[in-house]
Amino acid sequence: ELRDAAIPGFLLKVTPAGRKVFMVAYAANNGQRRKPA
C-alpha cells in the first residue's frame, strides 16, 4: 500500500498482478477497522 500524505486513510493498493486499487481505511463507530475499495 501507498498511503496519501494529504488525506489520512486514503491509499493505493498495488497487487502482485499489477492491479492498482484506491481504498480508504477508517475505524467505524463500533471500533472495527474497515478498508473498502
PDB file of all heavy atoms in Angstrom:
ATOM      1  N   GLU A   1       0.833  -1.202   0.000  1.00  0.00           N
ATOM      2  CA  GLU A   1       0.000   0.000   0.000  1.00  0.00           C
ATOM      3  C   GLU A   1       0.862   1.243   0.000  1.00  0.00           C
ATOM      4  O   GLU A   1       1.887   1.294   0.666  1.00  0.00           O
ATOM      5  CB  GLU A   1      -0.911   0.013   1.236  1.00  0.00           C
ATOM      6  CG  GLU A   1      -1.858  -1.153   1.292  1.00  0.00           C
ATOM      7  CD  GLU A   1      -2.629  -1.227   2.599  1.00  0.00           C
ATOM      8  OE1 GLU A   1      -2.278  -0.481   3.546  1.00  0.00           O
ATOM      9  OE2 GLU A   1      -3.558  -2.028   2.671  1.00  0.00           O
ATOM     10  N   LEU A   2       0.410   2.236  -0.744  1.00  0.00           N
ATOM     11  CA  LEU A   2       0.998   3.566  -0.713  1.00  0.00           C
ATOM     12  C   LEU A   2      -0.042   4.481  -0.080  1.00  0.00           C
ATOM     13  O   LEU A   2      -1.144   4.616  -0.602  1.00  0.00           O
ATOM     14  CB  LEU A   2       1.334   4.051  -2.133  1.00  0.00           C
ATOM     15  CG  LEU A   2       2.367   3.256  -2.905  1.00  0.00           C
ATOM     16  CD1 LEU A   2       2.456   3.754  -4.346  1.00  0.00           C
ATOM     17  CD2 LEU A   2       3.715   3.348  -2.231  1.00  0.00           C
ATOM     18  N   ARG A   3       0.305   5.082   1.041  1.00  0.00           N
ATOM     19  CA  ARG A   3      -0.638   5.945   1.753  1.00  0.00           C
ATOM     20  C   ARG A   3      -0.430   7.400   1.375  1.00  0.00           C
ATOM     21  O   ARG A   3       0.692   7.846   1.198  1.00  0.00           O
ATOM     22  CB  ARG A   3      -0.503   5.755   3.252  1.00  0.00           C
ATOM     23  CG  ARG A   3      -0.919   4.357   3.660  1.00  0.00           C
ATOM     24  CD  ARG A   3      -1.135   4.239   5.140  1.00  0.00           C
ATOM     25  NE  ARG A   3      -1.662   2.927   5.444  1.00  0.00           N
ATOM     26  CZ  ARG A   3      -2.907   2.714   5.844  1.00  0.00           C
ATOM     27  NH1 ARG A   3      -3.734   3.711   5.994  1.00  0.00           N
ATOM     28  NH2 ARG A   3      -3.310   1.493   6.106  1.00  0.00           N
ATOM     29  N   ASP A   4      -1.543   8.122   1.265  1.00  0.00           N
ATOM     30  CA  ASP A   4      -1.507   9.535   0.897  1.00  0.00           C
ATOM     31  C   ASP A   4      -1.128  10.375   2.103  1.00  0.00           C
ATOM     32  O   ASP A   4      -1.650  10.166   3.206  1.00  0.00           O
ATOM     33  CB  ASP A   4      -2.877   9.968   0.362  1.00  0.00           C
ATOM     34  CG  ASP A   4      -2.861  11.343  -0.245  1.00  0.00           C
ATOM     35  OD1 ASP A   4      -1.915  11.650  -0.990  1.00  0.00           O
ATOM     36  OD2 ASP A   4      -3.803  12.111   0.025  1.00  0.00           O
ATOM     37  N   ALA A   5      -0.225  11.320   1.905  1.00  0.00           N
ATOM     38  CA  ALA A   5       0.207  12.206   2.989  1.00  0.00           C
ATOM     39  C   ALA A   5      -0.821  13.303   3.242  1.00  0.00           C
ATOM     40  O   ALA A   5      -0.917  13.815   4.356  1.00  0.00           O
ATOM     41  CB  ALA A   5       1.561  12.820   2.660  1.00  0.00           C
ATOM     42  N   ALA A   6      -1.608  13.657   2.235  1.00  0.00           N
ATOM     43  CA  ALA A   6      -2.558  14.764   2.378  1.00  0.00           C
ATOM     44  C   ALA A   6      -3.837  14.351   3.111  1.00  0.00           C
ATOM     45  O   ALA A   6      -4.340  15.097   3.948  1.00  0.00           O
ATOM     46  CB  ALA A   6      -2.909  15.328   1.004  1.00  0.00           C
ATOM     47  N   ILE A   7      -4.364  13.181   2.793  1.00  0.00           N
ATOM     48  CA  ILE A   7      -5.623  12.721   3.402  1.00  0.00           C
ATOM     49  C   ILE A   7      -5.350  11.437   4.164  1.00  0.00           C
ATOM     50  O   ILE A   7      -5.109  10.385   3.562  1.00  0.00           O
ATOM     51  CB  ILE A   7      -6.703  12.461   2.336  1.00  0.00           C
ATOM     52  CG1 ILE A   7      -6.978  13.734   1.551  1.00  0.00           C
ATOM     53  CG2 ILE A   7      -7.972  11.941   2.980  1.00  0.00           C
ATOM     54  CD1 ILE A   7      -7.902  13.528   0.389  1.00  0.00           C
ATOM     55  N   PRO A   8      -5.380  11.476   5.493  1.00  0.00           N
ATOM     56  CA  PRO A   8      -5.159  10.249   6.268  1.00  0.00           C
ATOM     57  C   PRO A   8      -6.243   9.218   5.955  1.00  0.00           C
ATOM     58  O   PRO A   8      -7.429   9.519   5.957  1.00  0.00           O
ATOM     59  CB  PRO A   8      -5.261  10.717   7.716  1.00  0.00           C
ATOM     60  CG  PRO A   8      -5.111  12.190   7.673  1.00  0.00           C
ATOM     61  CD  PRO A   8      -5.585  12.641   6.334  1.00  0.00           C
ATOM     62  N   GLY A   9      -5.821   8.011   5.653  1.00  0.00           N
ATOM     63  CA  GLY A   9      -6.763   6.935   5.340  1.00  0.00           C
ATOM     64  C   GLY A   9      -6.886   6.654   3.862  1.00  0.00           C
ATOM     65  O   GLY A   9      -7.301   5.571   3.466  1.00  0.00           O
ATOM     66  N   PHE A  10      -6.553   7.606   3.006  1.00  0.00           N
ATOM     67  CA  PHE A  10      -6.621   7.404   1.563  1.00  0.00           C
ATOM     68  C   PHE A  10      -5.366   6.667   1.122  1.00  0.00           C
ATOM     69  O   PHE A  10      -4.252   7.038   1.476  1.00  0.00           O
ATOM     70  CB  PHE A  10      -6.735   8.757   0.851  1.00  0.00           C
ATOM     71  CG  PHE A  10      -6.801   8.664  -0.644  1.00  0.00           C
ATOM     72  CD1 PHE A  10      -7.699   7.824  -1.283  1.00  0.00           C
ATOM     73  CD2 PHE A  10      -5.973   9.438  -1.428  1.00  0.00           C
ATOM     74  CE1 PHE A  10      -7.758   7.750  -2.660  1.00  0.00           C
ATOM     75  CE2 PHE A  10      -6.016   9.382  -2.806  1.00  0.00           C
ATOM     76  CZ  PHE A  10      -6.916   8.537  -3.428  1.00  0.00           C
ATOM     77  N   LEU A  11      -5.530   5.574   0.355  1.00  0.00           N
ATOM     78  CA  LEU A  11      -4.366   4.784  -0.024  1.00  0.00           C
ATOM     79  C   LEU A  11      -4.566   4.107  -1.362  1.00  0.00           C
ATOM     80  O   LEU A  11      -5.684   4.021  -1.879  1.00  0.00           O
ATOM     81  CB  LEU A  11      -4.040   3.748   1.055  1.00  0.00           C
ATOM     82  CG  LEU A  11      -5.116   2.728   1.412  1.00  0.00           C
ATOM     83  CD1 LEU A  11      -4.859   1.417   0.712  1.00  0.00           C
ATOM     84  CD2 LEU A  11      -5.113   2.517   2.911  1.00  0.00           C
ATOM     85  N   LEU A  12      -3.460   3.636  -1.907  1.00  0.00           N
ATOM     86  CA  LEU A  12      -3.461   2.877  -3.142  1.00  0.00           C
ATOM     87  C   LEU A  12      -2.867   1.508  -2.836  1.00  0.00           C
ATOM     88  O   LEU A  12      -1.783   1.411  -2.269  1.00  0.00           O
ATOM     89  CB  LEU A  12      -2.603   3.561  -4.214  1.00  0.00           C
ATOM     90  CG  LEU A  12      -2.427   2.764  -5.505  1.00  0.00           C
ATOM     91  CD1 LEU A  12      -3.682   2.873  -6.352  1.00  0.00           C
ATOM     92  CD2 LEU A  12      -1.216   3.251  -6.268  1.00  0.00           C
ATOM     93  N   LYS A  13      -3.580   0.449  -3.202  1.00  0.00           N
ATOM     94  CA  LYS A  13      -3.079  -0.907  -3.012  1.00  0.00           C
ATOM     95  C   LYS A  13      -2.620  -1.428  -4.369  1.00  0.00           C
ATOM     96  O   LYS A  13      -3.365  -1.366  -5.354  1.00  0.00           O
ATOM     97  CB  LYS A  13      -4.164  -1.819  -2.449  1.00  0.00           C
ATOM     98  CG  LYS A  13      -3.703  -3.243  -2.234  1.00  0.00           C
ATOM     99  CD  LYS A  13      -4.806  -4.090  -1.626  1.00  0.00           C
ATOM    100  CE  LYS A  13      -4.319  -5.497  -1.366  1.00  0.00           C
ATOM    101  NZ  LYS A  13      -5.378  -6.309  -0.759  1.00  0.00           N
ATOM    102  N   VAL A  14      -1.388  -1.928  -4.417  1.00  0.00           N
ATOM    103  CA  VAL A  14      -0.822  -2.492  -5.633  1.00  0.00           C
ATOM    104  C   VAL A  14      -0.669  -3.997  -5.409  1.00  0.00           C
ATOM    105  O   VAL A  14       0.009  -4.424  -4.474  1.00  0.00           O
ATOM    106  CB  VAL A  14       0.545  -1.850  -5.967  1.00  0.00           C
ATOM    107  CG1 VAL A  14       1.095  -2.423  -7.266  1.00  0.00           C
ATOM    108  CG2 VAL A  14       0.426  -0.340  -6.051  1.00  0.00           C
ATOM    109  N   THR A  15      -1.312  -4.787  -6.262  1.00  0.00           N
ATOM    110  CA  THR A  15      -1.283  -6.238  -6.116  1.00  0.00           C
ATOM    111  C   THR A  15      -0.139  -6.827  -6.947  1.00  0.00           C
ATOM    112  O   THR A  15       0.373  -6.167  -7.854  1.00  0.00           O
ATOM    113  CB  THR A  15      -2.613  -6.868  -6.573  1.00  0.00           C
ATOM    114  OG1 THR A  15      -2.747  -6.661  -7.980  1.00  0.00           O
ATOM    115  CG2 THR A  15      -3.796  -6.277  -5.839  1.00  0.00           C
ATOM    116  N   PRO A  16       0.244  -8.064  -6.682  1.00  0.00           N
ATOM    117  CA  PRO A  16       1.293  -8.703  -7.479  1.00  0.00           C
ATOM    118  C   PRO A  16       0.939  -8.798  -8.969  1.00  0.00           C
ATOM    119  O   PRO A  16       1.817  -8.845  -9.823  1.00  0.00           O
ATOM    120  CB  PRO A  16       1.440 -10.086  -6.870  1.00  0.00           C
ATOM    121  CG  PRO A  16       0.948  -9.937  -5.471  1.00  0.00           C
ATOM    122  CD  PRO A  16      -0.121  -8.902  -5.534  1.00  0.00           C
ATOM    123  N   ALA A  17      -0.336  -8.840  -9.291  1.00  0.00           N
ATOM    124  CA  ALA A  17      -0.767  -8.911 -10.691  1.00  0.00           C
ATOM    125  C   ALA A  17      -0.702  -7.555 -11.382  1.00  0.00           C
ATOM    126  O   ALA A  17      -0.952  -7.459 -12.579  1.00  0.00           O
ATOM    127  CB  ALA A  17      -2.187  -9.460 -10.765  1.00  0.00           C
ATOM    128  N   GLY A  18      -0.413  -6.502 -10.613  1.00  0.00           N
ATOM    129  CA  GLY A  18      -0.306  -5.171 -11.193  1.00  0.00           C
ATOM    130  C   GLY A  18      -1.570  -4.337 -11.073  1.00  0.00           C
ATOM    131  O   GLY A  18      -1.618  -3.212 -11.562  1.00  0.00           O
ATOM    132  N   ARG A  19      -2.588  -4.868 -10.438  1.00  0.00           N
ATOM    133  CA  ARG A  19      -3.830  -4.115 -10.256  1.00  0.00           C
ATOM    134  C   ARG A  19      -3.597  -3.031  -9.221  1.00  0.00           C
ATOM    135  O   ARG A  19      -2.995  -3.269  -8.181  1.00  0.00           O
ATOM    136  CB  ARG A  19      -4.941  -5.047  -9.801  1.00  0.00           C
ATOM    137  CG  ARG A  19      -6.269  -4.331  -9.600  1.00  0.00           C
ATOM    138  CD  ARG A  19      -7.359  -5.279  -9.272  1.00  0.00           C
ATOM    139  NE  ARG A  19      -7.746  -5.929 -10.530  1.00  0.00           N
ATOM    140  CZ  ARG A  19      -8.521  -6.984 -10.599  1.00  0.00           C
ATOM    141  NH1 ARG A  19      -8.989  -7.533  -9.516  1.00  0.00           N
ATOM    142  NH2 ARG A  19      -8.839  -7.499 -11.763  1.00  0.00           N
ATOM    143  N   LYS A  20      -4.096  -1.837  -9.506  1.00  0.00           N
ATOM    144  CA  LYS A  20      -3.949  -0.695  -8.604  1.00  0.00           C
ATOM    145  C   LYS A  20      -5.338  -0.239  -8.189  1.00  0.00           C
ATOM    146  O   LYS A  20      -6.136   0.185  -9.021  1.00  0.00           O
ATOM    147  CB  LYS A  20      -3.193   0.425  -9.305  1.00  0.00           C
ATOM    148  CG  LYS A  20      -1.792   0.002  -9.714  1.00  0.00           C
ATOM    149  CD  LYS A  20      -1.104   1.032 -10.566  1.00  0.00           C
ATOM    150  CE  LYS A  20       0.258   0.511 -10.996  1.00  0.00           C
ATOM    151  NZ  LYS A  20       0.934   1.440 -11.888  1.00  0.00           N
ATOM    152  N   VAL A  21      -5.615  -0.364  -6.893  1.00  0.00           N
ATOM    153  CA  VAL A  21      -6.948  -0.091  -6.366  1.00  0.00           C
ATOM    154  C   VAL A  21      -6.860   0.997  -5.306  1.00  0.00           C
ATOM    155  O   VAL A  21      -6.061   0.903  -4.369  1.00  0.00           O
ATOM    156  CB  VAL A  21      -7.562  -1.372  -5.745  1.00  0.00           C
ATOM    157  CG1 VAL A  21      -8.953  -1.100  -5.217  1.00  0.00           C
ATOM    158  CG2 VAL A  21      -7.571  -2.500  -6.742  1.00  0.00           C
ATOM    159  N   PHE A  22      -7.698   2.029  -5.460  1.00  0.00           N
ATOM    160  CA  PHE A  22      -7.791   3.067  -4.444  1.00  0.00           C
ATOM    161  C   PHE A  22      -8.678   2.562  -3.319  1.00  0.00           C
ATOM    162  O   PHE A  22      -9.717   1.945  -3.564  1.00  0.00           O
ATOM    163  CB  PHE A  22      -8.395   4.353  -5.024  1.00  0.00           C
ATOM    164  CG  PHE A  22      -7.530   4.997  -6.065  1.00  0.00           C
ATOM    165  CD1 PHE A  22      -7.883   4.968  -7.401  1.00  0.00           C
ATOM    166  CD2 PHE A  22      -6.360   5.641  -5.696  1.00  0.00           C
ATOM    167  CE1 PHE A  22      -7.095   5.560  -8.353  1.00  0.00           C
ATOM    168  CE2 PHE A  22      -5.555   6.241  -6.656  1.00  0.00           C
ATOM    169  CZ  PHE A  22      -5.924   6.200  -7.984  1.00  0.00           C
ATOM    170  N   MET A  23      -8.273   2.826  -2.079  1.00  0.00           N
ATOM    171  CA  MET A  23      -9.025   2.385  -0.907  1.00  0.00           C
ATOM    172  C   MET A  23      -9.026   3.501   0.123  1.00  0.00           C
ATOM    173  O   MET A  23      -8.242   4.450   0.026  1.00  0.00           O
ATOM    174  CB  MET A  23      -8.395   1.126  -0.314  1.00  0.00           C
ATOM    175  CG  MET A  23      -8.271  -0.019  -1.282  1.00  0.00           C
ATOM    176  SD  MET A  23      -7.399  -1.407  -0.597  1.00  0.00           S
ATOM    177  CE  MET A  23      -8.780  -2.325   0.032  1.00  0.00           C
ATOM    178  N   VAL A  24      -9.899   3.358   1.095  1.00  0.00           N
ATOM    179  CA  VAL A  24      -9.900   4.293   2.225  1.00  0.00           C
ATOM    180  C   VAL A  24      -9.978   3.456   3.501  1.00  0.00           C
ATOM    181  O   VAL A  24     -10.789   2.545   3.610  1.00  0.00           O
ATOM    182  CB  VAL A  24     -11.047   5.327   2.120  1.00  0.00           C
ATOM    183  CG1 VAL A  24     -12.404   4.686   2.133  1.00  0.00           C
ATOM    184  CG2 VAL A  24     -10.939   6.373   3.187  1.00  0.00           C
ATOM    185  N   ALA A  25      -9.090   3.739   4.450  1.00  0.00           N
ATOM    186  CA  ALA A  25      -9.052   2.996   5.709  1.00  0.00           C
ATOM    187  C   ALA A  25      -9.613   3.879   6.815  1.00  0.00           C
ATOM    188  O   ALA A  25      -9.267   5.054   6.911  1.00  0.00           O
ATOM    189  CB  ALA A  25      -7.623   2.587   6.033  1.00  0.00           C
ATOM    190  N   TYR A  26     -10.479   3.300   7.636  1.00  0.00           N
ATOM    191  CA  TYR A  26     -11.057   4.046   8.749  1.00  0.00           C
ATOM    192  C   TYR A  26     -11.512   3.079   9.827  1.00  0.00           C
ATOM    193  O   TYR A  26     -11.623   1.880   9.586  1.00  0.00           O
ATOM    194  CB  TYR A  26     -12.221   4.922   8.287  1.00  0.00           C
ATOM    195  CG  TYR A  26     -13.417   4.151   7.754  1.00  0.00           C
ATOM    196  CD1 TYR A  26     -14.439   3.743   8.611  1.00  0.00           C
ATOM    197  CD2 TYR A  26     -13.520   3.830   6.416  1.00  0.00           C
ATOM    198  CE1 TYR A  26     -15.522   3.040   8.139  1.00  0.00           C
ATOM    199  CE2 TYR A  26     -14.594   3.128   5.927  1.00  0.00           C
ATOM    200  CZ  TYR A  26     -15.595   2.737   6.791  1.00  0.00           C
ATOM    201  OH  TYR A  26     -16.672   2.030   6.325  1.00  0.00           O
ATOM    202  N   ALA A  27     -11.768   3.617  10.990  1.00  0.00           N
ATOM    203  CA  ALA A  27     -12.341   2.835  12.081  1.00  0.00           C
ATOM    204  C   ALA A  27     -13.809   3.220  12.200  1.00  0.00           C
ATOM    205  O   ALA A  27     -14.139   4.401  12.341  1.00  0.00           O
ATOM    206  CB  ALA A  27     -11.615   3.108  13.390  1.00  0.00           C
ATOM    207  N   ALA A  28     -14.687   2.241  12.125  1.00  0.00           N
ATOM    208  CA  ALA A  28     -16.129   2.505  12.230  1.00  0.00           C
ATOM    209  C   ALA A  28     -16.474   2.895  13.664  1.00  0.00           C
ATOM    210  O   ALA A  28     -15.647   2.806  14.576  1.00  0.00           O
ATOM    211  CB  ALA A  28     -16.914   1.266  11.799  1.00  0.00           C
ATOM    212  N   ASN A  29     -17.712   3.313  13.856  1.00  0.00           N
ATOM    213  CA  ASN A  29     -18.152   3.761  15.186  1.00  0.00           C
ATOM    214  C   ASN A  29     -18.039   2.667  16.238  1.00  0.00           C
ATOM    215  O   ASN A  29     -17.850   2.947  17.409  1.00  0.00           O
ATOM    216  CB  ASN A  29     -19.592   4.266  15.115  1.00  0.00           C
ATOM    217  CG  ASN A  29     -19.699   5.541  14.331  1.00  0.00           C
ATOM    218  OD1 ASN A  29     -18.707   6.238  14.115  1.00  0.00           O
ATOM    219  ND2 ASN A  29     -20.896   5.868  13.879  1.00  0.00           N
ATOM    220  N   ASN A  30     -18.129   1.401  15.815  1.00  0.00           N
ATOM    221  CA  ASN A  30     -18.005   0.301  16.773  1.00  0.00           C
ATOM    222  C   ASN A  30     -16.551  -0.090  17.011  1.00  0.00           C
ATOM    223  O   ASN A  30     -16.269  -1.041  17.703  1.00  0.00           O
ATOM    224  CB  ASN A  30     -18.814  -0.908  16.294  1.00  0.00           C
ATOM    225  CG  ASN A  30     -18.329  -1.454  14.972  1.00  0.00           C
ATOM    226  OD1 ASN A  30     -17.365  -0.963  14.387  1.00  0.00           O
ATOM    227  ND2 ASN A  30     -19.001  -2.464  14.484  1.00  0.00           N
ATOM    228  N   GLY A  31     -15.597   0.647  16.406  1.00  0.00           N
ATOM    229  CA  GLY A  31     -14.188   0.380  16.599  1.00  0.00           C
ATOM    230  C   GLY A  31     -13.590  -0.587  15.598  1.00  0.00           C
ATOM    231  O   GLY A  31     -12.386  -0.779  15.553  1.00  0.00           O
ATOM    232  N   GLN A  32     -14.416  -1.197  14.783  1.00  0.00           N
ATOM    233  CA  GLN A  32     -13.932  -2.160  13.808  1.00  0.00           C
ATOM    234  C   GLN A  32     -13.264  -1.424  12.638  1.00  0.00           C
ATOM    235  O   GLN A  32     -13.796  -0.451  12.125  1.00  0.00           O
ATOM    236  CB  GLN A  32     -15.098  -2.997  13.294  1.00  0.00           C
ATOM    237  CG  GLN A  32     -14.684  -4.175  12.485  1.00  0.00           C
ATOM    238  CD  GLN A  32     -15.875  -5.059  12.150  1.00  0.00           C
ATOM    239  OE1 GLN A  32     -17.014  -4.627  12.235  1.00  0.00           O
ATOM    240  NE2 GLN A  32     -15.608  -6.283  11.771  1.00  0.00           N
ATOM    241  N   ARG A  33     -12.107  -1.899  12.235  1.00  0.00           N
ATOM    242  CA  ARG A  33     -11.368  -1.271  11.137  1.00  0.00           C
ATOM    243  C   ARG A  33     -11.915  -1.762   9.793  1.00  0.00           C
ATOM    244  O   ARG A  33     -12.149  -2.948   9.613  1.00  0.00           O
ATOM    245  CB  ARG A  33      -9.884  -1.579  11.235  1.00  0.00           C
ATOM    246  CG  ARG A  33      -9.278  -0.991  12.474  1.00  0.00           C
ATOM    247  CD  ARG A  33      -7.775  -0.904  12.335  1.00  0.00           C
ATOM    248  NE  ARG A  33      -7.193  -0.229  13.479  1.00  0.00           N
ATOM    249  CZ  ARG A  33      -7.072   1.087  13.594  1.00  0.00           C
ATOM    250  NH1 ARG A  33      -7.506   1.867  12.654  1.00  0.00           N
ATOM    251  NH2 ARG A  33      -6.530   1.616  14.667  1.00  0.00           N
ATOM    252  N   ARG A  34     -12.076  -0.827   8.890  1.00  0.00           N
ATOM    253  CA  ARG A  34     -12.585  -1.139   7.556  1.00  0.00           C
ATOM    254  C   ARG A  34     -11.650  -0.554   6.510  1.00  0.00           C
ATOM    255  O   ARG A  34     -10.996   0.449   6.743  1.00  0.00           O
ATOM    256  CB  ARG A  34     -13.974  -0.561   7.368  1.00  0.00           C
ATOM    257  CG  ARG A  34     -14.955  -1.061   8.399  1.00  0.00           C
ATOM    258  CD  ARG A  34     -16.299  -1.275   7.773  1.00  0.00           C
ATOM    259  NE  ARG A  34     -17.210  -1.851   8.711  1.00  0.00           N
ATOM    260  CZ  ARG A  34     -17.368  -3.141   8.901  1.00  0.00           C
ATOM    261  NH1 ARG A  34     -16.674  -3.991   8.208  1.00  0.00           N
ATOM    262  NH2 ARG A  34     -18.220  -3.605   9.767  1.00  0.00           N
ATOM    263  N   LYS A  35     -11.635  -1.192   5.354  1.00  0.00           N
ATOM    264  CA  LYS A  35     -10.807  -0.708   4.266  1.00  0.00           C
ATOM    265  C   LYS A  35     -11.522  -1.008   2.939  1.00  0.00           C
ATOM    266  O   LYS A  35     -11.095  -1.851   2.158  1.00  0.00           O
ATOM    267  CB  LYS A  35      -9.443  -1.384   4.315  1.00  0.00           C
ATOM    268  CG  LYS A  35      -8.334  -0.578   3.671  1.00  0.00           C
ATOM    269  CD  LYS A  35      -7.022  -1.338   3.628  1.00  0.00           C
ATOM    270  CE  LYS A  35      -6.408  -1.507   4.988  1.00  0.00           C
ATOM    271  NZ  LYS A  35      -5.071  -2.141   4.929  1.00  0.00           N
ATOM    272  N   PRO A  36     -12.628  -0.307   2.643  1.00  0.00           N
ATOM    273  CA  PRO A  36     -13.352  -0.579   1.399  1.00  0.00           C
ATOM    274  C   PRO A  36     -12.621  -0.007   0.188  1.00  0.00           C
ATOM    275  O   PRO A  36     -11.927   1.005   0.273  1.00  0.00           O
ATOM    276  CB  PRO A  36     -14.696   0.119   1.613  1.00  0.00           C
ATOM    277  CG  PRO A  36     -14.410   1.208   2.577  1.00  0.00           C
ATOM    278  CD  PRO A  36     -13.312   0.685   3.463  1.00  0.00           C
ATOM    279  N   ALA A  37     -12.799  -0.668  -0.942  1.00  0.00           N
ATOM    280  CA  ALA A  37     -12.223  -0.202  -2.200  1.00  0.00           C
ATOM    281  C   ALA A  37     -13.080   0.931  -2.754  1.00  0.00           C
ATOM    282  O   ALA A  37     -14.313   0.906  -2.654  1.00  0.00           O
ATOM    283  CB  ALA A  37     -12.150  -1.347  -3.194  1.00  0.00           C
TER     284      ALA A  37
END
